[in-house]
C-alpha atoms as a PDB file:
ATOM      1  CA  MET A   1      89.855 131.283 115.303  1.00  0.00           C
ATOM      2  CA  ASP A   2      86.654 132.053 117.070  1.00  0.00           C
ATOM      3  CA  HIS A   3      84.882 133.633 114.059  1.00  0.00           C
ATOM      4  CA  GLY A   4      81.783 131.616 114.861  1.00  0.00           C
ATOM      5  CA  THR A   5      81.813 133.102 118.411  1.00  0.00           C
ATOM      6  CA  HIS A   6      82.187 136.616 117.118  1.00  0.00           C
ATOM      7  CA  GLU A   7      79.259 136.028 114.779  1.00  0.00           C
ATOM      8  CA  HIS A   8      77.100 134.480 117.257  1.00  0.00           C
ATOM      9  CA  ALA A   9      77.747 137.362 119.761  1.00  0.00           C
ATOM     10  CA  ALA A  10      77.067 139.898 117.035  1.00  0.00           C
ATOM     11  CA  HIS A  11      73.678 138.408 116.125  1.00  0.00           C
ATOM     12  CA  GLU A  12      72.582 138.157 119.877  1.00  0.00           C
ATOM     13  CA  HIS A  13      72.592 141.943 119.739  1.00  0.00           C
ATOM     14  CA  GLY A  14      69.946 142.273 117.092  1.00  0.00           C
ATOM     15  CA  PRO A  15      70.348 143.610 113.492  1.00  0.00           C
ATOM     16  CA  HIS A  16      72.686 146.343 112.740  1.00  0.00           C
ATOM     17  CA  GLU A  17      71.137 149.036 110.434  1.00  0.00           C
ATOM     18  CA  GLY A  18      68.997 147.144 107.896  1.00  0.00           C
ATOM     19  CA  ARG A  19      69.590 144.411 105.456  1.00  0.00           C
ATOM     20  CA  SER A  20      73.001 145.408 104.165  1.00  0.00           C
ATOM     21  CA  ALA A  21      74.600 145.324 107.516  1.00  0.00           C
ATOM     22  CA  HIS A  22      72.976 141.930 108.179  1.00  0.00           C
ATOM     23  CA  GLY A  23      74.458 140.916 104.798  1.00  0.00           C
ATOM     24  CA  ALA A  24      77.851 141.747 106.248  1.00  0.00           C
ATOM     25  CA  HIS A  25      77.254 139.183 108.950  1.00  0.00           C
ATOM     26  CA  ALA A  26      75.810 136.492 106.567  1.00  0.00           C
ATOM     27  CA  GLY A  27      78.891 137.284 104.290  1.00  0.00           C
ATOM     28  CA  HIS A  28      81.223 136.730 107.223  1.00  0.00           C
ATOM     29  CA  ARG A  29      79.581 133.370 108.085  1.00  0.00           C
ATOM     30  CA  THR A  30      80.395 132.041 104.593  1.00  0.00           C
ATOM     31  CA  GLY A  31      83.854 133.585 104.408  1.00  0.00           C
ATOM     32  CA  GLY A  32      82.872 136.213 101.953  1.00  0.00           C
ATOM     33  CA  VAL A  33      81.781 139.975 102.533  1.00  0.00           C
ATOM     34  CA  THR A  34      79.581 141.802 100.276  1.00  0.00           C
ATOM     35  CA  TRP A  35      80.944 144.950  98.531  1.00  0.00           C
ATOM     36  CA  GLY A  36      77.994 146.802  99.797  1.00  0.00           C
ATOM     37  CA  ALA A  37      78.846 146.091 103.495  1.00  0.00           C
ATOM     38  CA  ALA A  38      82.590 147.051 102.784  1.00  0.00           C
ATOM     39  CA  ALA A  39      81.384 150.143 101.026  1.00  0.00           C
ATOM     40  CA  LYS A  40      79.164 151.042 103.972  1.00  0.00           C
ATOM     41  CA  ALA A  41      81.986 150.645 106.571  1.00  0.00           C
ATOM     42  CA  THR A  42      84.322 152.674 104.252  1.00  0.00           C
ATOM     43  CA  LEU A  43      81.628 155.544 103.807  1.00  0.00           C
ATOM     44  CA  HIS A  44      81.221 155.601 107.576  1.00  0.00           C
ATOM     45  CA  CYS A  45      84.955 156.020 108.104  1.00  0.00           C
ATOM     46  CA  LEU A  46      85.218 158.543 105.163  1.00  0.00           C
ATOM     47  CA  THR A  47      82.505 160.574 106.734  1.00  0.00           C
ATOM     48  CA  GLY A  48      84.479 161.314 109.830  1.00  0.00           C
ATOM     49  CA  CYS A  49      87.824 161.602 107.979  1.00  0.00           C
ATOM     50  CA  ALA A  50      86.280 164.195 105.554  1.00  0.00           C
ATOM     51  CA  ILE A  51      84.775 166.225 108.404  1.00  0.00           C
ATOM     52  CA  GLY A  52      88.278 166.451 110.099  1.00  0.00           C
ATOM     53  CA  GLU A  53      90.232 166.717 106.791  1.00  0.00           C
ATOM     54  CA  ILE A  54      88.164 169.638 105.398  1.00  0.00           C
ATOM     55  CA  LEU A  55      88.116 171.369 108.831  1.00  0.00           C
ATOM     56  CA  GLY A  56      91.820 171.066 109.228  1.00  0.00           C
ATOM     57  CA  MET A  57      92.552 172.114 105.708  1.00  0.00           C
ATOM     58  CA  ALA A  58      90.171 175.032 105.864  1.00  0.00           C
ATOM     59  CA  VAL A  59      91.419 176.245 109.238  1.00  0.00           C
ATOM     60  CA  GLY A  60      95.070 175.881 108.321  1.00  0.00           C
ATOM     61  CA  THR A  61      94.665 177.564 104.870  1.00  0.00           C
ATOM     62  CA  ALA A  62      92.476 180.412 106.355  1.00  0.00           C
ATOM     63  CA  LEU A  63      95.109 181.090 109.002  1.00  0.00           C
ATOM     64  CA  GLY A  64      97.919 181.162 106.359  1.00  0.00           C
ATOM     65  CA  TRP A  65      99.814 178.221 107.946  1.00  0.00           C
ATOM     66  CA  GLY A  66     102.365 176.339 106.130  1.00  0.00           C
ATOM     67  CA  ASN A  67     101.695 173.313 104.176  1.00  0.00           C
ATOM     68  CA  ALA A  68     103.051 170.854 106.726  1.00  0.00           C
ATOM     69  CA  SER A  69     101.221 172.518 109.794  1.00  0.00           C
ATOM     70  CA  THR A  70      97.982 172.461 107.777  1.00  0.00           C
ATOM     71  CA  MET A  71      98.396 168.922 106.818  1.00  0.00           C
ATOM     72  CA  ILE A  72      99.224 167.651 110.218  1.00  0.00           C
ATOM     73  CA  LEU A  73      96.135 169.479 111.612  1.00  0.00           C
ATOM     74  CA  ALA A  74      93.945 167.928 108.979  1.00  0.00           C
ATOM     75  CA  ILE A  75      95.222 164.451 109.633  1.00  0.00           C
ATOM     76  CA  VAL A  76      94.915 164.798 113.391  1.00  0.00           C
ATOM     77  CA  LEU A  77      91.313 166.082 113.047  1.00  0.00           C
ATOM     78  CA  ALA A  78      90.521 163.300 110.509  1.00  0.00           C
ATOM     79  CA  PHE A  79      91.497 160.707 113.099  1.00  0.00           C
ATOM     80  CA  VAL A  80      89.599 162.652 116.038  1.00  0.00           C
ATOM     81  CA  PHE A  81      86.325 162.897 113.888  1.00  0.00           C
ATOM     82  CA  GLY A  82      86.765 159.374 112.384  1.00  0.00           C
ATOM     83  CA  TYR A  83      86.976 157.732 115.764  1.00  0.00           C
ATOM     84  CA  SER A  84      84.400 160.087 117.218  1.00  0.00           C
ATOM     85  CA  LEU A  85      81.680 158.753 114.906  1.00  0.00           C
ATOM     86  CA  THR A  86      82.277 155.229 115.989  1.00  0.00           C
ATOM     87  CA  LEU A  87      82.782 156.141 119.659  1.00  0.00           C
ATOM     88  CA  PHE A  88      79.393 157.837 119.635  1.00  0.00           C
ATOM     89  CA  ALA A  89      77.652 154.764 117.978  1.00  0.00           C
ATOM     90  CA  ILE A  90      79.191 152.349 120.241  1.00  0.00           C
ATOM     91  CA  ARG A  91      78.576 154.447 123.429  1.00  0.00           C
ATOM     92  CA  GLY A  92      74.861 154.689 122.230  1.00  0.00           C
ATOM     93  CA  ALA A  93      74.665 151.015 122.258  1.00  0.00           C
ATOM     94  CA  GLY A  94      75.670 150.918 125.912  1.00  0.00           C
ATOM     95  CA  LEU A  95      79.405 150.241 125.963  1.00  0.00           C
ATOM     96  CA  GLY A  96      81.546 152.096 128.485  1.00  0.00           C
ATOM     97  CA  VAL A  97      84.079 154.709 127.476  1.00  0.00           C
ATOM     98  CA  ARG A  98      87.097 152.434 127.707  1.00  0.00           C
ATOM     99  CA  GLY A  99      85.497 149.668 125.848  1.00  0.00           C
ATOM    100  CA  ALA A 100      84.163 151.981 123.177  1.00  0.00           C
ATOM    101  CA  LEU A 101      87.571 153.451 122.633  1.00  0.00           C
ATOM    102  CA  LYS A 102      89.033 149.961 122.217  1.00  0.00           C
ATOM    103  CA  VAL A 103      86.303 149.143 119.578  1.00  0.00           C
ATOM    104  CA  ALA A 104      86.808 152.363 117.744  1.00  0.00           C
ATOM    105  CA  LEU A 105      90.594 151.960 117.597  1.00  0.00           C
ATOM    106  CA  ALA A 106      90.242 148.252 116.346  1.00  0.00           C
ATOM    107  CA  ALA A 107      87.462 149.187 113.943  1.00  0.00           C
ATOM    108  CA  ASP A 108      88.831 152.382 112.252  1.00  0.00           C
ATOM    109  CA  THR A 109      92.598 152.566 112.584  1.00  0.00           C
ATOM    110  CA  VAL A 110      93.633 150.770 109.422  1.00  0.00           C
ATOM    111  CA  SER A 111      90.969 152.380 107.454  1.00  0.00           C
ATOM    112  CA  ILE A 112      91.810 156.054 108.472  1.00  0.00           C
ATOM    113  CA  ILE A 113      95.430 155.309 108.001  1.00  0.00           C
ATOM    114  CA  VAL A 114      94.915 154.065 104.343  1.00  0.00           C
ATOM    115  CA  MET A 115      92.352 156.897 103.771  1.00  0.00           C
ATOM    116  CA  GLU A 116      94.731 159.566 104.968  1.00  0.00           C
ATOM    117  CA  LEU A 117      97.607 158.355 103.207  1.00  0.00           C
ATOM    118  CA  VAL A 118      95.892 158.276  99.856  1.00  0.00           C
ATOM    119  CA  ASP A 119      93.921 161.460 100.340  1.00  0.00           C
ATOM    120  CA  ASN A 120      96.939 163.454 101.472  1.00  0.00           C
ATOM    121  CA  GLY A 121      99.176 161.865  98.931  1.00  0.00           C
ATOM    122  CA  ILE A 122      96.758 163.005  96.182  1.00  0.00           C
ATOM    123  CA  ILE A 123      96.670 166.501  97.507  1.00  0.00           C
ATOM    124  CA  ALA A 124     100.468 166.609  97.823  1.00  0.00           C
ATOM    125  CA  LEU A 125     100.852 165.255  94.185  1.00  0.00           C
ATOM    126  CA  VAL A 126      98.358 167.619  92.455  1.00  0.00           C
ATOM    127  CA  PRO A 127     100.560 170.684  91.356  1.00  0.00           C
ATOM    128  CA  GLY A 128      99.525 173.746  93.179  1.00  0.00           C
ATOM    129  CA  ALA A 129      96.887 172.111  95.331  1.00  0.00           C
ATOM    130  CA  MET A 130      99.002 172.612  98.640  1.00  0.00           C
ATOM    131  CA  ASP A 131      99.188 176.226  97.854  1.00  0.00           C
ATOM    132  CA  ALA A 132      95.589 176.752  96.739  1.00  0.00           C
ATOM    133  CA  HIS A 133      93.291 178.935  98.805  1.00  0.00           C
ATOM    134  CA  LEU A 134      89.830 178.274 100.027  1.00  0.00           C
ATOM    135  CA  ASP A 135      88.281 180.224  97.257  1.00  0.00           C
ATOM    136  CA  GLU A 136      90.082 178.455  94.509  1.00  0.00           C
ATOM    137  CA  ALA A 137      88.387 175.456  92.609  1.00  0.00           C
ATOM    138  CA  LEU A 138      91.810 173.563  92.890  1.00  0.00           C
ATOM    139  CA  PHE A 139      91.624 173.508  96.675  1.00  0.00           C
ATOM    140  CA  TRP A 140      88.301 171.870  96.566  1.00  0.00           C
ATOM    141  CA  THR A 141      88.691 169.588  93.577  1.00  0.00           C
ATOM    142  CA  SER A 142      91.962 168.069  94.805  1.00  0.00           C
ATOM    143  CA  LEU A 143      90.573 167.591  98.265  1.00  0.00           C
ATOM    144  CA  LEU A 144      87.314 166.051  97.126  1.00  0.00           C
ATOM    145  CA  GLY A 145      88.960 164.089  94.422  1.00  0.00           C
ATOM    146  CA  GLY A 146      91.386 162.745  96.959  1.00  0.00           C
ATOM    147  CA  PHE A 147      88.342 161.527  99.199  1.00  0.00           C
ATOM    148  CA  VAL A 148      86.962 159.637  95.936  1.00  0.00           C
ATOM    149  CA  ILE A 149      90.135 157.886  95.333  1.00  0.00           C
ATOM    150  CA  ALA A 150      90.688 157.091  99.033  1.00  0.00           C
ATOM    151  CA  PHE A 151      87.210 155.618  99.015  1.00  0.00           C
ATOM    152  CA  LEU A 152      87.937 153.443  96.015  1.00  0.00           C
ATOM    153  CA  LEU A 153      91.248 152.124  97.509  1.00  0.00           C
ATOM    154  CA  THR A 154      90.104 151.806 101.158  1.00  0.00           C
ATOM    155  CA  THR A 155      86.968 149.685 100.271  1.00  0.00           C
ATOM    156  CA  PRO A 156      88.792 146.524  99.297  1.00  0.00           C
ATOM    157  CA  VAL A 157      90.966 146.864 102.410  1.00  0.00           C
ATOM    158  CA  ASN A 158      87.904 147.130 104.542  1.00  0.00           C
ATOM    159  CA  LYS A 159      86.177 144.154 102.762  1.00  0.00           C
ATOM    160  CA  TRP A 160      89.371 141.965 103.285  1.00  0.00           C
ATOM    161  CA  MET A 161      89.481 142.977 106.887  1.00  0.00           C
ATOM    162  CA  ILE A 162      85.700 142.501 107.645  1.00  0.00           C
ATOM    163  CA  ALA A 163      85.990 139.011 106.061  1.00  0.00           C
ATOM    164  CA  ARG A 164      88.551 138.256 108.738  1.00  0.00           C
ATOM    165  CA  GLY A 165      86.505 139.563 111.656  1.00  0.00           C
ATOM    166  CA  LYS A 166      88.672 142.708 111.820  1.00  0.00           C
ATOM    167  CA  GLY A 167      88.198 146.407 111.216  1.00  0.00           C
ATOM    168  CA  HIS A 168      84.424 147.376 110.969  1.00  0.00           C
ATOM    169  CA  ALA A 169      83.356 143.707 111.819  1.00  0.00           C
ATOM    170  CA  VAL A 170      84.389 144.518 115.460  1.00  0.00           C
ATOM    171  CA  VAL A 171      81.698 147.180 115.643  1.00  0.00           C
ATOM    172  CA  HIS A 172      78.805 144.702 114.701  1.00  0.00           C
ATOM    173  CA  GLY A 173      79.306 142.864 117.936  1.00  0.00           C
ATOM    174  CA  HIS A 174      78.229 145.859 119.789  1.00  0.00           C
ATOM    175  CA  HIS A 175      74.904 146.810 118.018  1.00  0.00           C
END
């Protein structure tokens, strides 16, 4: 494995966004990753997913679409917005479109998949949540509650991946 090469390349580009991101690199060097670094990566992913998920659920619900169509739209938009946040950051660091797309796919795919499985699973399991309307508390509590549970379950996945130079760790080499 070339973990040392990855770390060295990541540090040549300078610090990420303050101490906690630098701590992710230091933790990677020693084989451990801080929970703070994993939470930061998960929160980044959750932000994009939440934007897409909320937009998709709101649009599908407002248009009176069926549950399956609404959920598919929400999932597609969660991936689009999740990848977009990483793409914009990586493009801003000077990487070309094709390279940035590869980094975004490597960095976020597993995290988004886990997050979407958990979040949509929660919504599907809460009685009445799929049939709730935008003006009902059940719609918002099940959606936001799903995000909280998805965050809690995805953070350990991201921690495990970052410790192995995968997932969000791929992004650090391009800052």
